[in-house]
Amino acid sequence: MEGRYGVTSILEVTSKPVKRSGVLSVADLSSGYVSDAPIVHGVTHNFYPGTVTVIIGPNGAGKSTLLKTIAGLVDVFSGAVSLDGTSLSKRPAIERVSAGLNFCPQGRANFPNLTVGENLRLAGFSLSRHTLDARLKELRQGNELIHDRWHERIANMSGGEQQRVEIEMSLITRPSVLMLDEPSLGLAPAAWHQIFDQVRAIANSGVTVIIVEQNVRAAVRIADRLVVLEQGRTVLDGPPDEILNDDELRRVYLGTVSR
């Protein structure tokens, strides 16, 4: 079923284009789950609208923890998170969503016994009834996958289709920043391409996109920038070609991956 549908998203079918900003900044950020044992150590980056940043590195490098920290799900020990110059460091996760930041976590993040439409409606709980109804109508009319499967339990869909619906769930609030943790996890190769095409289209609409991804071979093809973490610290940051053309860096951090 993966190849049947295109990758049109709510950001492409909306009748009212949204002006976006979305410069996300993390400055000397340290965070983790136990105060005397940080996972992320002094990370500093700016992420810009219209770009895809792919964060890679070995298991346990702090990649997912970094995204969860930005999303407000992990404690910040020092440093700052800001969006368009406004500090988010002390704001709870729900307020960060309202500010324009959304996070699609690793693995299935849906209500499997509910329909596609019900999942999408729950994702927009923070919106007014009128706004949510309008966005769902636009999405259903413009996205073939959503239209055809609207009344179907999401558990009956393939993994790739569920992931695409979950990304649309993250877009219902029209975030200026979208973070995705392992969006290709467990998917067949045919589904990877649709997911990454969807992600690239989202960035092209002006959203700041940050992905943690182990499937470097697929993700690098849509990346504007690669960030490599090791033991919670940034060890590489730059254009994909610059990093992947260095044989030693490719061997150490990326195995045998080639562009």
Protein backbone atom coordinates (compact mmCIF):
# COMPACT_ATOMS: atom_id res chain seq x y z
CA MET A 1 0.00 0.00 0.00
CA GLU A 2 2.97 2.32 0.49
CA GLY A 3 3.34 3.35 -3.13
CA ARG A 4 -0.32 4.16 -3.80
CA TYR A 5 -0.47 7.65 -2.35
CA GLY A 6 1.45 10.86 -2.94
CA VAL A 7 3.02 12.96 -0.19
CA THR A 8 0.80 16.06 -0.16
CA SER A 9 0.61 17.51 3.35
CA ILE A 10 -1.65 19.95 5.15
CA LEU A 11 0.95 22.67 4.56
CA GLU A 12 0.49 22.28 0.81
CA VAL A 13 -3.30 22.07 0.69
CA THR A 14 -4.10 24.94 3.05
CA SER A 15 -6.00 27.75 1.36
CA LYS A 16 -4.25 30.42 3.43
CA PRO A 17 -0.43 30.49 3.16
CA VAL A 18 1.22 31.05 6.52
CA LYS A 19 4.12 33.42 6.97
CA ARG A 20 6.75 31.58 9.01
CA SER A 21 9.79 32.57 10.98
CA GLY A 22 11.15 29.71 13.05
CA VAL A 23 14.80 30.34 13.92
CA LEU A 24 15.44 27.85 16.69
CA SER A 25 18.51 28.40 18.88
CA VAL A 26 20.12 26.23 21.52
CA ALA A 27 22.99 27.81 23.43
CA ASP A 28 25.46 25.89 25.60
CA LEU A 29 22.67 23.41 26.32
CA SER A 30 23.20 20.69 28.91
CA SER A 31 20.38 18.35 29.88
CA GLY A 32 19.43 14.87 30.96
CA TYR A 33 17.44 12.76 33.38
CA VAL A 34 19.65 12.99 36.49
CA SER A 35 21.14 16.34 37.45
CA ASP A 36 24.64 15.09 38.15
CA ALA A 37 24.78 12.93 35.00
CA PRO A 38 23.93 15.06 31.93
CA ILE A 39 23.40 13.35 28.59
CA VAL A 40 23.73 16.49 26.44
CA HIS A 41 26.83 18.59 27.11
CA GLY A 42 27.15 22.22 26.03
CA VAL A 43 25.46 21.94 22.62
CA THR A 44 25.11 25.17 20.64
CA HIS A 45 23.31 25.42 17.29
CA ASN A 46 20.99 27.61 15.27
CA PHE A 47 18.41 25.96 13.02
CA TYR A 48 16.83 27.92 10.18
CA PRO A 49 13.51 28.00 8.29
CA GLY A 50 13.31 26.05 5.07
CA THR A 51 16.14 23.69 5.99
CA VAL A 52 16.46 20.06 7.01
CA THR A 53 19.08 19.33 9.66
CA VAL A 54 19.82 15.64 10.16
CA ILE A 55 21.37 14.71 13.51
CA ILE A 56 23.36 11.49 13.47
CA GLY A 57 25.82 9.64 15.66
CA PRO A 58 26.33 6.36 17.52
CA ASN A 59 23.76 4.88 19.88
CA GLY A 60 23.76 6.69 23.21
CA ALA A 61 25.16 9.90 21.71
CA GLY A 62 22.30 12.01 23.09
CA LYS A 63 20.47 12.60 19.82
CA SER A 64 16.95 11.81 21.02
CA THR A 65 17.62 13.47 24.36
CA LEU A 66 18.53 16.69 22.54
CA LEU A 67 15.21 16.73 20.69
CA LYS A 68 13.27 15.90 23.84
CA THR A 69 15.06 18.70 25.68
CA ILE A 70 14.11 21.20 22.99
CA ALA A 71 10.53 19.92 23.16
CA GLY A 72 10.41 20.46 26.93
CA LEU A 73 10.32 16.77 27.88
CA VAL A 74 13.77 16.59 29.49
CA ASP A 75 15.21 18.87 32.17
CA VAL A 76 17.61 21.64 31.16
CA PHE A 77 20.56 21.88 33.58
CA SER A 78 22.20 24.86 31.91
CA GLY A 79 22.04 26.85 28.70
CA ALA A 80 19.00 28.01 26.79
CA VAL A 81 16.43 27.14 24.12
CA SER A 82 14.82 29.98 22.19
CA LEU A 83 12.54 30.42 19.20
CA ASP A 84 12.84 33.64 17.23
CA GLY A 85 14.63 35.21 20.17
CA THR A 86 12.01 34.26 22.76
CA SER A 87 13.23 31.95 25.51
CA LEU A 88 11.46 28.61 25.84
CA SER A 89 13.80 27.19 28.47
CA LYS A 90 11.37 27.38 31.38
CA ARG A 91 8.16 26.83 29.42
CA PRO A 92 6.35 23.47 29.62
CA ALA A 93 5.98 21.30 26.55
CA ILE A 94 2.39 22.33 25.79
CA GLU A 95 3.37 26.00 25.73
CA ARG A 96 6.21 25.23 23.32
CA VAL A 97 3.65 23.71 20.96
CA SER A 98 1.61 26.91 21.15
CA ALA A 99 4.79 28.90 20.45
CA GLY A 100 5.29 26.99 17.19
CA LEU A 101 7.42 23.98 18.05
CA ASN A 102 6.25 20.40 17.55
CA PHE A 103 7.85 17.00 18.10
CA CYS A 104 7.04 13.67 16.44
CA PRO A 105 8.61 10.99 18.68
CA GLN A 106 10.22 7.70 17.78
CA GLY A 107 7.97 4.69 17.20
CA ARG A 108 4.22 4.72 16.81
CA ALA A 109 2.68 7.78 18.45
CA ASN A 110 -0.99 7.36 17.70
CA PHE A 111 -4.18 5.94 19.18
CA PRO A 112 -4.39 2.62 17.33
CA ASN A 113 -8.03 1.85 18.06
CA LEU A 114 -9.19 5.25 16.81
CA THR A 115 -9.69 6.22 13.19
CA VAL A 116 -7.38 8.39 11.13
CA GLY A 117 -9.81 11.29 11.46
CA GLU A 118 -10.10 10.88 15.22
CA ASN A 119 -6.31 10.82 15.60
CA LEU A 120 -5.97 14.01 13.59
CA ARG A 121 -8.70 15.71 15.59
CA LEU A 122 -7.02 14.80 18.87
CA ALA A 123 -3.74 16.22 17.57
CA GLY A 124 -5.43 19.59 17.17
CA PHE A 125 -6.95 19.73 20.65
CA SER A 126 -5.29 23.08 21.39
CA LEU A 127 -6.98 24.77 18.42
CA SER A 128 -10.40 26.36 18.38
CA ARG A 129 -13.19 24.16 17.02
CA HIS A 130 -13.60 26.39 13.97
CA THR A 131 -9.89 26.45 13.12
CA LEU A 132 -9.49 22.70 13.59
CA ASP A 133 -12.54 21.88 11.47
CA ALA A 134 -11.23 24.08 8.66
CA ARG A 135 -7.78 22.52 8.70
CA LEU A 136 -9.12 18.98 8.78
CA LYS A 137 -11.43 19.75 5.87
CA GLU A 138 -8.54 21.13 3.82
CA LEU A 139 -6.36 18.15 4.64
CA ARG A 140 -9.05 15.60 3.85
CA GLN A 141 -9.83 17.25 0.52
CA GLY A 142 -6.20 17.64 -0.54
CA ASN A 143 -4.49 14.50 0.75
CA GLU A 144 -5.53 11.23 -0.91
CA LEU A 145 -4.21 9.01 1.89
CA ILE A 146 -6.11 10.95 4.55
CA HIS A 147 -9.26 11.11 2.42
CA ASP A 148 -9.36 7.40 1.59
CA ARG A 149 -8.56 6.17 5.10
CA TRP A 150 -10.40 8.79 7.16
CA HIS A 151 -12.79 6.33 8.83
CA GLU A 152 -10.31 3.46 9.16
CA ARG A 153 -8.70 2.43 12.43
CA ILE A 154 -5.11 3.56 12.23
CA ALA A 155 -3.94 0.16 13.52
CA ASN A 156 -5.07 -1.35 10.20
CA MET A 157 -2.65 0.81 8.21
CA SER A 158 0.90 -0.08 7.23
CA GLY A 159 3.80 1.29 9.25
CA GLY A 160 4.68 3.81 6.56
CA GLU A 161 1.11 5.06 6.30
CA GLN A 162 0.87 5.40 10.07
CA GLN A 163 4.10 7.42 10.12
CA ARG A 164 2.80 9.75 7.43
CA VAL A 165 -0.42 10.29 9.37
CA GLU A 166 1.58 10.99 12.53
CA ILE A 167 3.60 13.63 10.70
CA GLU A 168 0.34 15.23 9.58
CA MET A 169 -0.81 15.10 13.20
CA SER A 170 2.30 17.11 14.10
CA LEU A 171 1.47 19.65 11.40
CA ILE A 172 -2.14 20.34 12.38
CA THR A 173 -1.01 23.25 14.58
CA ARG A 174 1.13 24.59 11.69
CA PRO A 175 4.40 24.68 13.64
CA SER A 176 7.33 26.80 12.55
CA VAL A 177 9.69 24.08 13.86
CA LEU A 178 9.12 20.34 13.40
CA MET A 179 11.37 17.75 15.06
CA LEU A 180 11.24 14.08 14.04
CA ASP A 181 12.88 11.23 15.92
CA GLU A 182 13.72 8.24 13.68
CA PRO A 183 10.84 8.69 11.20
CA SER A 184 12.03 5.73 9.07
CA LEU A 185 12.35 3.30 11.99
CA GLY A 186 11.07 -0.16 11.09
CA LEU A 187 9.84 0.84 7.64
CA ALA A 188 10.40 -0.89 4.33
CA PRO A 189 12.64 0.89 1.78
CA ALA A 190 9.64 1.89 -0.36
CA ALA A 191 8.22 3.77 2.62
CA TRP A 192 11.49 5.56 3.41
CA HIS A 193 11.32 7.52 0.19
CA GLN A 194 7.78 8.70 0.79
CA ILE A 195 8.56 9.76 4.34
CA PHE A 196 11.67 11.69 3.35
CA ASP A 197 9.91 13.26 0.36
CA GLN A 198 7.21 14.39 2.78
CA VAL A 199 9.84 15.85 5.11
CA ARG A 200 11.58 17.69 2.30
CA ALA A 201 8.27 19.17 1.16
CA ILE A 202 7.57 20.37 4.69
CA ALA A 203 10.91 22.17 4.84
CA ASN A 204 10.34 23.66 1.40
CA SER A 205 7.15 25.25 2.75
CA GLY A 206 9.31 27.27 5.17
CA VAL A 207 9.33 25.07 8.27
CA THR A 208 12.51 24.48 10.27
CA VAL A 209 12.95 20.68 10.25
CA ILE A 210 15.28 18.72 12.52
CA ILE A 211 15.57 14.93 12.24
CA VAL A 212 17.34 12.33 14.31
CA GLU A 213 17.94 9.42 11.98
CA GLN A 214 19.94 6.19 11.85
CA ASN A 215 19.10 5.65 8.19
CA VAL A 216 21.82 8.03 7.07
CA ARG A 217 21.90 6.77 3.50
CA ALA A 218 18.30 7.84 2.91
CA ALA A 219 18.19 10.94 5.13
CA VAL A 220 21.31 12.57 3.76
CA ARG A 221 19.68 12.98 0.35
CA ILE A 222 17.23 15.56 1.73
CA ALA A 223 19.61 17.17 4.25
CA ASP A 224 20.89 20.72 4.02
CA ARG A 225 23.08 20.08 7.04
CA LEU A 226 24.47 17.23 9.09
CA VAL A 227 25.19 17.42 12.80
CA VAL A 228 27.15 14.56 14.37
CA LEU A 229 26.88 14.00 18.12
CA GLU A 230 29.16 11.82 20.20
CA GLN A 231 28.78 11.39 23.96
CA GLY A 232 26.40 14.32 24.06
CA ARG A 233 28.72 16.75 22.29
CA THR A 234 28.80 18.11 18.75
CA VAL A 235 31.82 16.74 16.90
CA LEU A 236 30.84 17.65 13.34
CA ASP A 237 28.49 20.23 11.84
CA GLY A 238 28.28 21.22 8.21
CA PRO A 239 26.96 20.56 4.70
CA PRO A 240 26.52 16.85 3.90
CA ASP A 241 29.07 16.87 1.08
CA GLU A 242 31.70 18.43 3.30
CA ILE A 243 31.28 15.70 5.92
CA LEU A 244 30.69 12.74 3.63
CA ASN A 245 33.64 13.53 1.37
CA ASP A 246 36.09 13.07 4.24
CA ASP A 247 36.98 9.36 4.18
CA GLU A 248 38.09 9.21 7.80
CA LEU A 249 35.02 11.00 9.13
CA ARG A 250 32.79 8.80 7.03
CA ARG A 251 34.48 5.66 8.32
CA VAL A 252 34.37 6.68 11.98
CA TYR A 253 30.88 8.15 12.17
CA LEU A 254 28.96 6.83 9.20
CA GLY A 255 30.45 3.42 8.45
CA THR A 256 30.49 2.82 4.69
CA VAL A 257 27.77 5.31 3.82
CA SER A 258 28.34 7.18 0.57
CA ARG A 259 26.47 10.09 -0.96
